[in-house]
C-alpha cells in the first residue's frame, strides 16, 4: 500500500495520469455510449438494419480512419510543442490537421457513387445490402467535419487540458441520441427513416462538434498565446512533417480498420444472425474499450510532453502508471462479460422481435467470452502502442498492423470461413489471437526503449552572437 500511495503522488504517477485521463475517458465513453445506443435502437427497428450498420459503418470509418489517424496525431505535435514551451507553434500545427480533414472529406464524397457496386460485391442478403448502401452514402457526407473535430480536439488534449473536449463530445452525444430516436422511429413529428435516420443523426452531431470546437479555439486568449487563428495559413514544412509522422499513424489506423472490416464482411457470409450477433458483441466491447482509449491518449500526451521537455524517464514511468490502472479495469470488465453477459446483451433484445432475436442473443453471449479473453491483452495494445506513437515511433506501429492484420487476421479468417466452411466461433478465435499477438509485439517494442530518443517537432533555431 505504501508503494501505491507513493506512486499516486509522484510525478508520472497514477494521479497525474488520471487528471488528464479522466475527462478523456468520459469523452471517449460518451462516444461509446452514442455508438451503443445507436445500435440498440437499430436492433429494435429490425435485425437487418442492425446487421447492415456495422459493415457499412466500418467501411466508411475505414476510409475515414486514414485521415482521422493523421489529424489525431496533431495532439502529439501540440504536446511536444507545449512541453518545449513553444506555444506559438501550436496553432499552425492545429490547422495543418484541418487541411488533412478537408482532403479526407473530398475522398469520402468521391466514394458515394460506388456504394452499390461495393456492397453488391460483398454479397450480403439483399435487404441488408440495401441498408448498407443507404447508411454508407449518408455517412460519407459528414467525413470532413468529423475528422476536423479530431484535429481541434488535439489542441485541448495535447496541452493536458481535455475537459472542453469532454463537454463537446458529451453535448454531441446528446444531440446524436435525440436525433437517433426521432429519425429512426419517426418520433415527435419527425419522419421514420430507419437506418437512414441513424446516419443523418451521426453526420449532424459530427458537424455540431466541429463548429463548437471552432468557436472555442477562436477565443482571444487562445489566439494570442497559441496563434489558433493567426496560424491558419498552410505551412509546407510543418504540413509535410505532420504527414511524415501522422501518415504512418493514419495508415496504421486505416489498416487496422480495413482488417476488421474484412473480418466483418467475411462473417456476414455466415448469415444475418451471425452478422447481427457480431455487431452486438463488438458494440458491447466498444462500450468498455473506448473509455480506455482515453487513458491511452493521456499516456500519449504525457509521453509527448515529457519527451518535449527531455525527461524520458518520467515518460516511461507515466506509461506504466497508465498500464496498471487500465489492466485492473479491463480484467474487471472481462470477468463481467463471462459471469453476467445478459446485463450487456439484454438491452438489444428489450424492444426487438423476441422470435428473431432468440438465436442472435445466444450467439452474442458466446461471443462475449472471446471478447473477455482478448480484451485483457488489448490493454497492452492501448497503452504501449499509444506510448511509442506519442514519441513518434509511428512507422513501426504501421508495419506491424499491416503484417499481422494480413497474416494473422484476414487470411486465416478467409481460409476458415470461405474455403473450409468453419463456423462463427472459429472466426472469433482467430480475431482473439490477432489482438493478443499485437499486444505482445507493442510491449516488446516499448521495452526496447528506442522511442525515448525520438521527437516529432523541429529543433528551435538558436541565435549565436558573435564574440
Protein backbone atom coordinates (compact mmCIF):
# COMPACT_ATOMS: atom_id res chain seq x y z
CA UNK A 1 0.00 0.00 0.00
CA UNK A 2 2.87 2.34 0.77
CA UNK A 3 4.25 1.87 -2.76
CA UNK A 4 0.83 2.62 -4.26
CA UNK A 5 0.44 5.81 -2.19
CA UNK A 6 3.94 6.90 -3.19
CA UNK A 7 3.26 6.29 -6.88
CA UNK A 8 -0.07 8.09 -6.59
CA UNK A 9 1.60 11.33 -5.54
CA UNK A 10 4.78 11.09 -7.64
CA UNK A 11 5.37 12.88 -10.94
CA UNK A 12 4.39 10.47 -13.72
CA UNK A 13 2.27 8.57 -11.19
CA UNK A 14 -1.34 7.47 -11.02
CA UNK A 15 -2.77 10.85 -10.02
CA UNK A 16 -1.09 12.74 -12.84
CA UNK A 17 -2.28 10.22 -15.43
CA UNK A 18 -5.83 10.28 -14.05
CA UNK A 19 -6.00 14.09 -14.05
CA UNK A 20 -5.56 14.04 -17.84
CA UNK A 21 -7.23 10.68 -18.47
CA UNK A 22 -10.49 11.28 -16.58
CA UNK A 23 -12.05 13.80 -18.99
CA UNK A 24 -10.66 11.81 -21.93
CA UNK A 25 -12.22 8.64 -20.53
CA UNK A 26 -15.54 10.46 -20.14
CA UNK A 27 -15.15 11.88 -23.65
CA UNK A 28 -14.45 8.57 -25.37
CA UNK A 29 -17.01 6.97 -23.07
CA UNK A 30 -19.63 9.39 -24.38
CA UNK A 31 -18.77 8.31 -27.93
CA UNK A 32 -19.09 4.63 -26.99
CA UNK A 33 -22.48 5.25 -25.34
CA UNK A 34 -23.59 7.02 -28.53
CA UNK A 35 -22.44 4.05 -30.61
CA UNK A 36 -24.04 1.51 -28.25
CA UNK A 37 -27.44 3.23 -28.13
CA UNK A 38 -27.42 3.82 -31.88
CA UNK A 39 -27.02 0.06 -32.49
CA UNK A 40 -29.55 -0.74 -29.78
CA UNK A 41 -32.18 1.43 -31.50
CA UNK A 42 -31.41 -0.27 -34.82
CA UNK A 43 -31.81 -3.70 -33.14
CA UNK A 44 -35.26 -2.57 -32.01
CA UNK A 45 -36.04 -1.37 -35.53
CA UNK A 46 -35.01 -4.55 -37.39
CA UNK A 47 -32.28 -7.23 -37.38
CA UNK A 48 -31.43 -6.31 -40.98
CA UNK A 49 -30.78 -2.67 -40.03
CA UNK A 50 -28.59 -3.83 -37.12
CA UNK A 51 -26.69 -6.25 -39.36
CA UNK A 52 -26.11 -3.57 -42.04
CA UNK A 53 -24.91 -0.83 -39.68
CA UNK A 54 -21.61 -2.43 -38.72
CA UNK A 55 -20.17 -3.39 -42.16
CA UNK A 56 -21.35 -0.12 -43.75
CA UNK A 57 -20.22 1.95 -40.78
CA UNK A 58 -16.86 0.22 -40.64
CA UNK A 59 -16.38 0.61 -44.39
CA UNK A 60 -16.96 4.36 -44.07
CA UNK A 61 -14.83 4.59 -40.94
CA UNK A 62 -12.03 2.54 -42.52
CA UNK A 63 -11.62 5.15 -45.27
CA UNK A 64 -12.03 7.98 -42.79
CA UNK A 65 -9.59 6.38 -40.35
CA UNK A 66 -6.56 7.13 -42.53
CA UNK A 67 -7.27 10.86 -42.34
CA UNK A 68 -8.55 10.61 -38.76
CA UNK A 69 -5.36 8.89 -37.59
CA UNK A 70 -3.27 11.58 -39.27
CA UNK A 71 -5.23 14.51 -37.83
CA UNK A 72 -5.41 12.94 -34.38
CA UNK A 73 -1.61 12.97 -34.39
CA UNK A 74 -1.88 16.75 -34.11
CA UNK A 75 -2.21 16.16 -30.36
CA UNK A 76 1.35 14.76 -30.28
CA UNK A 77 2.69 17.88 -32.02
CA UNK A 78 0.75 20.06 -29.59
CA UNK A 79 2.05 18.04 -26.62
CA UNK A 80 5.69 18.29 -27.68
CA UNK A 81 5.44 22.00 -28.57
CA UNK A 82 3.73 22.57 -25.23
CA UNK A 83 6.41 20.62 -23.34
CA UNK A 84 9.11 22.63 -25.13
CA UNK A 85 7.20 25.89 -24.29
CA UNK A 86 6.97 26.87 -27.96
CA UNK A 87 3.35 27.94 -27.71
CA UNK A 88 3.18 29.97 -30.92
CA UNK A 89 3.70 26.78 -32.98
CA UNK A 90 0.61 25.06 -31.59
CA UNK A 91 -1.95 26.93 -33.73
CA UNK A 92 -0.15 26.29 -37.03
CA UNK A 93 0.14 22.57 -36.21
CA UNK A 94 -3.57 22.50 -35.47
CA UNK A 95 -4.53 23.96 -38.84
CA UNK A 96 -2.38 21.55 -40.83
CA UNK A 97 -4.59 18.82 -39.37
CA UNK A 98 -7.71 20.66 -40.51
CA UNK A 99 -6.36 20.73 -44.08
CA UNK A 100 -5.87 16.96 -43.93
CA UNK A 101 -9.52 16.63 -42.87
CA UNK A 102 -10.65 18.54 -45.96
CA UNK A 103 -8.79 16.06 -48.16
CA UNK A 104 -10.46 13.21 -46.27
CA UNK A 105 -13.90 14.69 -46.77
CA UNK A 106 -13.29 15.00 -50.50
CA UNK A 107 -12.21 11.36 -50.80
CA UNK A 108 -15.33 10.16 -48.96
CA UNK A 109 -17.59 12.24 -51.22
CA UNK A 110 -15.98 10.60 -54.25
CA UNK A 111 -16.92 7.15 -52.91
CA UNK A 112 -20.67 7.81 -52.75
CA UNK A 113 -21.41 6.82 -56.40
CA UNK A 114 -19.60 3.49 -55.90
CA UNK A 115 -21.54 2.36 -52.82
CA UNK A 116 -23.91 0.00 -54.64
CA UNK A 117 -21.04 -1.67 -56.51
CA UNK A 118 -19.03 -2.12 -53.30
CA UNK A 119 -21.79 -3.79 -51.31
CA UNK A 120 -23.06 -5.83 -54.24
CA UNK A 121 -19.58 -7.33 -54.45
CA UNK A 122 -19.65 -8.16 -50.72
CA UNK A 123 -22.70 -10.33 -51.32
CA UNK A 124 -24.80 -9.97 -48.16
CA UNK A 125 -28.58 -10.57 -48.10
CA UNK A 126 -30.46 -8.17 -50.45
CA UNK A 127 -32.28 -6.27 -47.69
CA UNK A 128 -29.08 -5.93 -45.64
CA UNK A 129 -27.25 -4.81 -48.78
CA UNK A 130 -29.80 -2.06 -49.48
CA UNK A 131 -29.47 -0.76 -45.92
CA UNK A 132 -25.66 -0.88 -46.17
CA UNK A 133 -25.69 1.35 -49.25
CA UNK A 134 -28.00 3.91 -47.63
CA UNK A 135 -26.03 4.06 -44.40
CA UNK A 136 -22.64 4.28 -46.12
CA UNK A 137 -23.65 7.06 -48.54
CA UNK A 138 -25.01 9.33 -45.83
CA UNK A 139 -22.01 8.79 -43.51
CA UNK A 140 -19.67 9.78 -46.35
CA UNK A 141 -21.33 13.23 -46.43
CA UNK A 142 -20.10 14.02 -42.91
CA UNK A 143 -16.47 12.95 -43.21
CA UNK A 144 -14.74 16.36 -43.24
CA UNK A 145 -16.32 17.87 -40.08
CA UNK A 146 -15.89 14.62 -38.15
CA UNK A 147 -12.16 14.41 -38.95
CA UNK A 148 -11.70 18.17 -38.47
CA UNK A 149 -13.15 17.87 -34.97
CA UNK A 150 -10.38 15.40 -34.09
CA UNK A 151 -7.76 17.97 -35.10
CA UNK A 152 -9.37 20.67 -32.95
CA UNK A 153 -9.70 18.25 -30.02
CA UNK A 154 -5.91 17.77 -30.16
CA UNK A 155 -5.49 21.40 -29.13
CA UNK A 156 -7.01 20.62 -25.74
CA UNK A 157 -5.79 17.06 -25.14
CA UNK A 158 -2.23 17.84 -26.31
CA UNK A 159 -1.90 20.58 -23.67
CA UNK A 160 -3.18 18.22 -20.99
CA UNK A 161 -6.43 20.20 -20.66
CA UNK A 162 -9.05 17.86 -22.12
CA UNK A 163 -12.16 18.98 -20.21
CA UNK A 164 -13.50 21.19 -23.04
CA UNK A 165 -13.22 18.24 -25.44
CA UNK A 166 -15.15 16.09 -22.97
CA UNK A 167 -18.01 18.60 -22.80
CA UNK A 168 -18.13 18.98 -26.58
CA UNK A 169 -18.31 15.20 -27.04
CA UNK A 170 -20.96 14.87 -24.34
CA UNK A 171 -23.14 17.52 -25.96
CA UNK A 172 -22.65 15.95 -29.39
CA UNK A 173 -23.66 12.57 -27.94
CA UNK A 174 -26.88 14.01 -26.54
CA UNK A 175 -27.66 15.62 -29.90
CA UNK A 176 -26.98 12.35 -31.67
CA UNK A 177 -29.11 10.21 -29.35
CA UNK A 178 -32.11 12.54 -29.51
CA UNK A 179 -31.96 12.70 -33.30
CA UNK A 180 -31.33 8.94 -33.46
CA UNK A 181 -34.58 8.09 -31.71
CA UNK A 182 -36.55 10.76 -33.55
CA UNK A 183 -35.33 9.86 -37.03
CA UNK A 184 -35.14 6.07 -36.71
CA UNK A 185 -38.66 5.62 -35.30
CA UNK A 186 -40.36 8.81 -36.53
CA UNK A 187 -40.98 10.29 -33.06
CA UNK A 188 -42.04 13.86 -32.16
CA UNK A 189 -43.21 14.70 -35.67
CA UNK A 190 -40.01 13.60 -37.43
CA UNK A 191 -40.22 11.19 -40.40
CA UNK A 192 -39.49 7.50 -39.80
CA UNK A 193 -36.24 6.94 -41.68
CA UNK A 194 -34.83 3.80 -40.06
CA UNK A 195 -31.14 3.27 -40.74
CA UNK A 196 -31.02 6.45 -42.86
CA UNK A 197 -32.14 8.40 -39.79
CA UNK A 198 -29.30 6.89 -37.73
CA UNK A 199 -26.78 8.01 -40.36
CA UNK A 200 -28.24 11.54 -40.56
CA UNK A 201 -28.04 11.86 -36.76
CA UNK A 202 -24.37 10.81 -36.83
CA UNK A 203 -23.49 13.34 -39.54
CA UNK A 204 -25.35 16.16 -37.78
CA UNK A 205 -23.65 15.51 -34.42
CA UNK A 206 -20.21 15.46 -36.08
CA UNK A 207 -20.90 18.80 -37.76
CA UNK A 208 -22.16 20.18 -34.46
CA UNK A 209 -18.86 19.21 -32.77
CA UNK A 210 -16.77 20.87 -35.47
CA UNK A 211 -18.41 24.26 -35.10
CA UNK A 212 -18.38 24.17 -31.30
CA UNK A 213 -14.65 23.41 -31.35
CA UNK A 214 -14.06 26.20 -33.86
CA UNK A 215 -15.83 28.64 -31.54
CA UNK A 216 -13.69 27.53 -28.59
CA UNK A 217 -10.31 27.79 -30.29
CA UNK A 218 -11.23 31.22 -31.68
CA UNK A 219 -11.21 32.73 -28.17
CA UNK A 220 -8.95 35.78 -27.90
CA UNK A 221 -6.75 34.31 -25.15
CA UNK A 222 -6.08 31.18 -27.19
CA UNK A 223 -5.33 33.15 -30.33
CA UNK A 224 -2.87 35.47 -28.61
CA UNK A 225 -0.90 32.74 -26.82
CA UNK A 226 -1.20 29.78 -29.19
CA UNK A 227 -1.96 31.52 -32.53
CA UNK A 228 -5.09 29.41 -33.01
CA UNK A 229 -6.40 31.83 -35.64
CA UNK A 230 -3.20 33.65 -36.57
CA UNK A 231 -1.64 30.34 -37.56
CA UNK A 232 -4.31 29.33 -40.08
CA UNK A 233 -2.02 29.58 -43.12
CA UNK A 234 -0.77 26.39 -44.76
CA UNK A 235 2.89 25.71 -43.91
CA UNK A 236 4.53 23.32 -46.30
CA UNK A 237 7.32 22.21 -43.96
CA UNK A 238 5.01 21.70 -40.99
CA UNK A 239 2.36 20.01 -43.13
CA UNK A 240 4.94 17.59 -44.52
CA UNK A 241 6.22 16.83 -41.02
CA UNK A 242 2.67 16.09 -39.88
CA UNK A 243 2.37 13.71 -42.83
CA UNK A 244 5.77 12.19 -42.08
CA UNK A 245 4.77 11.18 -38.56
CA UNK A 246 0.99 11.30 -38.86
CA UNK A 247 0.77 9.36 -42.13
CA UNK A 248 2.04 6.11 -40.56
CA UNK A 249 -0.34 6.70 -37.64
CA UNK A 250 -3.21 7.26 -40.07
CA UNK A 251 -2.16 4.30 -42.18
CA UNK A 252 -1.96 2.14 -39.05
CA UNK A 253 -5.48 3.17 -38.09
CA UNK A 254 -6.65 2.59 -41.68
CA UNK A 255 -5.05 -0.86 -41.95
CA UNK A 256 -6.46 -1.89 -38.58
CA UNK A 257 -9.94 -0.80 -39.62
CA UNK A 258 -9.59 -2.47 -43.03
CA UNK A 259 -8.57 -5.71 -41.33
CA UNK A 260 -11.59 -5.67 -39.02
CA UNK A 261 -13.88 -4.53 -41.84
CA UNK A 262 -12.84 -7.51 -43.98
CA UNK A 263 -13.33 -9.70 -40.91
CA UNK A 264 -16.88 -8.36 -40.51
CA UNK A 265 -17.64 -8.75 -44.22
CA UNK A 266 -16.45 -12.36 -44.12
CA UNK A 267 -18.56 -13.06 -41.03
CA UNK A 268 -21.52 -11.63 -42.96
CA UNK A 269 -21.25 -14.59 -45.33
CA UNK A 270 -22.40 -16.78 -42.43
CA UNK A 271 -25.81 -15.11 -42.45
CA UNK A 272 -27.74 -12.17 -40.99
CA UNK A 273 -27.92 -13.63 -37.47
CA UNK A 274 -24.16 -14.23 -37.28
CA UNK A 275 -23.52 -10.69 -38.52
CA UNK A 276 -26.04 -9.18 -36.08
CA UNK A 277 -24.55 -11.11 -33.13
CA UNK A 278 -21.06 -9.97 -34.12
CA UNK A 279 -22.34 -6.40 -34.28
CA UNK A 280 -23.75 -6.69 -30.76
CA UNK A 281 -20.55 -8.23 -29.35
CA UNK A 282 -18.33 -5.58 -30.91
CA UNK A 283 -20.58 -2.80 -29.64
CA UNK A 284 -20.57 -4.19 -26.12
CA UNK A 285 -16.79 -4.37 -26.37
CA UNK A 286 -16.73 -0.75 -27.56
CA UNK A 287 -18.70 0.35 -24.50
CA UNK A 288 -15.90 -0.89 -22.25
CA UNK A 289 -12.96 -0.47 -24.63
CA UNK A 290 -13.42 3.13 -25.80
CA UNK A 291 -13.10 4.74 -22.35
CA UNK A 292 -9.69 3.08 -22.06
CA UNK A 293 -8.70 4.74 -25.32
CA UNK A 294 -8.95 7.93 -23.24
CA UNK A 295 -6.30 6.52 -20.91
CA UNK A 296 -4.16 5.69 -23.94
CA UNK A 297 -4.47 9.25 -25.22
CA UNK A 298 -3.47 10.57 -21.80
CA UNK A 299 -0.37 8.36 -21.81
CA UNK A 300 0.49 9.53 -25.34
CA UNK A 301 0.12 13.18 -24.31
CA UNK A 302 2.30 12.79 -21.22
CA UNK A 303 4.95 10.94 -23.22
CA UNK A 304 4.94 13.79 -25.74
CA UNK A 305 5.19 16.46 -23.07
CA UNK A 306 7.98 14.73 -21.14
CA UNK A 307 9.98 14.00 -24.28
CA UNK A 308 9.47 17.61 -25.40
CA UNK A 309 10.98 18.60 -22.06
CA UNK A 310 13.75 15.95 -22.39
CA UNK A 311 12.54 13.79 -19.47
CA UNK A 312 12.35 10.24 -20.92
CA UNK A 313 12.46 8.51 -17.51
CA UNK A 314 9.30 10.27 -16.38
CA UNK A 315 7.72 9.44 -19.74
CA UNK A 316 8.36 5.74 -19.09
CA UNK A 317 7.01 5.99 -15.55
CA UNK A 318 3.70 7.51 -16.66
CA UNK A 319 3.26 4.71 -19.22
CA UNK A 320 3.43 2.03 -16.55
CA UNK A 321 1.12 4.04 -14.31
CA UNK A 322 -1.45 4.10 -17.11
CA UNK A 323 -0.97 0.38 -17.76
CA UNK A 324 -1.54 -0.59 -14.11
CA UNK A 325 -4.87 1.25 -13.95
CA UNK A 326 -6.07 0.09 -17.36
CA UNK A 327 -5.33 -3.60 -16.79
CA UNK A 328 -7.22 -3.50 -13.48
CA UNK A 329 -10.27 -2.06 -15.23
CA UNK A 330 -10.17 -4.45 -18.18
CA UNK A 331 -9.83 -7.57 -16.00
CA UNK A 332 -12.93 -6.48 -14.09
CA UNK A 333 -14.90 -5.93 -17.30
CA UNK A 334 -13.72 -9.25 -18.76
CA UNK A 335 -15.00 -11.05 -15.66
CA UNK A 336 -18.39 -9.38 -16.08
CA UNK A 337 -18.55 -10.48 -19.74
CA UNK A 338 -18.21 -14.11 -18.62
CA UNK A 339 -20.20 -14.07 -15.36
CA UNK A 340 -23.12 -11.76 -16.21
CA UNK A 341 -23.29 -11.45 -20.04
CA UNK A 342 -27.06 -10.88 -20.03
CA UNK A 343 -26.55 -7.43 -18.47
CA UNK A 344 -24.79 -6.34 -21.68
CA UNK A 345 -26.87 -8.21 -24.27
CA UNK A 346 -30.37 -7.69 -22.82
CA UNK A 347 -30.76 -4.02 -23.93
CA UNK A 348 -30.50 -5.07 -27.59
CA UNK A 349 -33.39 -7.51 -27.18
CA UNK A 350 -35.59 -5.29 -24.98
CA UNK A 351 -37.82 -3.86 -27.73
CA UNK A 352 -36.86 -6.23 -30.56
CA UNK A 353 -38.83 -9.11 -32.09
CA UNK A 354 -38.27 -11.86 -29.49
CA UNK A 355 -38.58 -14.68 -32.03
CA UNK A 356 -35.99 -13.24 -34.38
CA UNK A 357 -33.65 -12.15 -31.59
CA UNK A 358 -33.50 -15.51 -29.77
CA UNK A 359 -30.68 -17.02 -31.86
CA UNK A 360 -28.85 -13.68 -32.10
CA UNK A 361 -28.99 -13.31 -28.31
CA UNK A 362 -27.47 -16.76 -27.74
CA UNK A 363 -24.68 -16.18 -30.24
CA UNK A 364 -23.83 -12.79 -28.71
CA UNK A 365 -23.45 -14.35 -25.24
CA UNK A 366 -20.99 -16.90 -26.66
CA UNK A 367 -19.00 -14.21 -28.50
CA UNK A 368 -18.61 -12.18 -25.30
CA UNK A 369 -16.39 -14.97 -23.95
CA UNK A 370 -13.96 -14.30 -26.78
CA UNK A 371 -14.17 -10.57 -26.04
CA UNK A 372 -13.34 -11.29 -22.38
CA UNK A 373 -10.17 -13.15 -23.35
CA UNK A 374 -8.74 -10.68 -25.84
CA UNK A 375 -9.79 -7.51 -24.02
CA UNK A 376 -7.26 -8.20 -21.23
CA UNK A 377 -4.42 -8.35 -23.75
CA UNK A 378 -5.86 -5.38 -25.62
CA UNK A 379 -4.70 -3.31 -22.64
CA UNK A 380 -1.15 -3.78 -23.90
CA UNK A 381 -2.30 -2.64 -27.31
CA UNK A 382 -3.91 0.51 -25.94
CA UNK A 383 -1.14 1.65 -23.62
CA UNK A 384 2.14 0.58 -25.24
CA UNK A 385 1.12 1.47 -28.80
CA UNK A 386 -0.04 4.88 -27.53
CA UNK A 387 3.27 5.38 -25.74
CA UNK A 388 5.53 4.73 -28.71
CA UNK A 389 3.25 6.72 -31.03
CA UNK A 390 3.42 9.63 -28.59
CA UNK A 391 7.17 9.60 -29.12
CA UNK A 392 6.97 9.40 -32.91
CA UNK A 393 7.52 5.67 -33.47
CA UNK A 394 4.57 5.51 -35.85
CA UNK A 395 6.17 3.60 -38.71
CA UNK A 396 6.78 0.53 -36.57
CA UNK A 397 3.13 0.51 -35.49
CA UNK A 398 2.01 0.86 -39.11
CA UNK A 399 4.15 -2.02 -40.39
CA UNK A 400 3.14 -4.33 -37.56
CA UNK A 401 -0.55 -3.66 -38.17
CA UNK A 402 -0.06 -4.28 -41.91
CA UNK A 403 1.78 -7.58 -41.42
CA UNK A 404 -0.24 -9.00 -38.54
CA UNK A 405 -3.62 -7.87 -39.87
CA UNK A 406 -2.96 -9.63 -43.18
CA UNK A 407 -1.26 -12.79 -41.87
CA UNK A 408 -2.93 -13.35 -38.50
CA UNK A 409 -6.46 -11.92 -39.00
CA UNK A 410 -7.64 -11.59 -42.61
CA UNK A 411 -6.01 -14.57 -44.36
CA UNK A 412 -6.81 -17.16 -41.65
CA UNK A 413 -10.41 -15.88 -41.40
CA UNK A 414 -10.84 -16.13 -45.18
CA UNK A 415 -9.48 -19.68 -45.21
CA UNK A 416 -11.62 -20.71 -42.23
CA UNK A 417 -14.93 -19.29 -43.49
CA UNK A 418 -14.76 -19.29 -47.29
CA UNK A 419 -12.56 -22.30 -48.04
CA UNK A 420 -13.05 -24.62 -45.08
CA UNK A 421 -16.60 -23.56 -44.15
CA UNK A 422 -15.99 -23.28 -40.41
CA UNK A 423 -18.48 -21.61 -38.07
CA UNK A 424 -18.64 -18.20 -36.39
CA UNK A 425 -16.70 -19.23 -33.29
CA UNK A 426 -13.65 -20.16 -35.38
CA UNK A 427 -13.56 -16.67 -36.89
CA UNK A 428 -13.74 -15.12 -33.44
CA UNK A 429 -10.98 -17.39 -32.13
CA UNK A 430 -8.77 -16.06 -34.93
CA UNK A 431 -9.73 -12.47 -34.04
CA UNK A 432 -8.76 -13.04 -30.41
CA UNK A 433 -5.36 -14.48 -31.38
CA UNK A 434 -4.71 -11.40 -33.54
CA UNK A 435 -5.34 -8.97 -30.69
CA UNK A 436 -3.19 -10.98 -28.27
CA UNK A 437 -0.23 -11.16 -30.66
CA UNK A 438 -0.49 -7.44 -31.39
CA UNK A 439 -0.41 -6.56 -27.70
CA UNK A 440 2.80 -8.51 -27.07
CA UNK A 441 4.50 -7.03 -30.15
CA UNK A 442 3.91 -3.45 -28.93
CA UNK A 443 5.04 -4.32 -25.41
CA UNK A 444 8.34 -5.74 -26.70
CA UNK A 445 8.88 -2.62 -28.85
CA UNK A 446 8.23 -0.37 -25.85
CA UNK A 447 10.65 -2.34 -23.69
CA UNK A 448 13.33 -1.87 -26.36
CA UNK A 449 13.47 1.84 -25.49
CA UNK A 450 14.17 3.28 -28.95
CA UNK A 451 11.16 5.60 -28.53
CA UNK A 452 12.97 7.55 -25.78
CA UNK A 453 15.25 9.26 -28.31
CA UNK A 454 12.50 10.25 -30.79
CA UNK A 455 10.98 13.72 -31.35
CA UNK A 456 8.39 14.92 -33.88
CA UNK A 457 8.94 18.67 -33.52
CA UNK A 458 11.72 20.61 -35.20
CA UNK A 459 14.65 21.84 -33.14
CA UNK A 460 14.39 25.55 -32.25
CA UNK A 461 16.67 27.95 -34.03
CA UNK A 462 19.46 29.20 -31.76
CA UNK A 463 20.91 32.65 -32.34
CA UNK A 464 24.69 32.59 -31.95
CA UNK A 465 26.01 36.02 -31.04
CA UNK A 466 29.43 36.95 -32.38
CA UNK A 467 32.07 37.43 -29.74
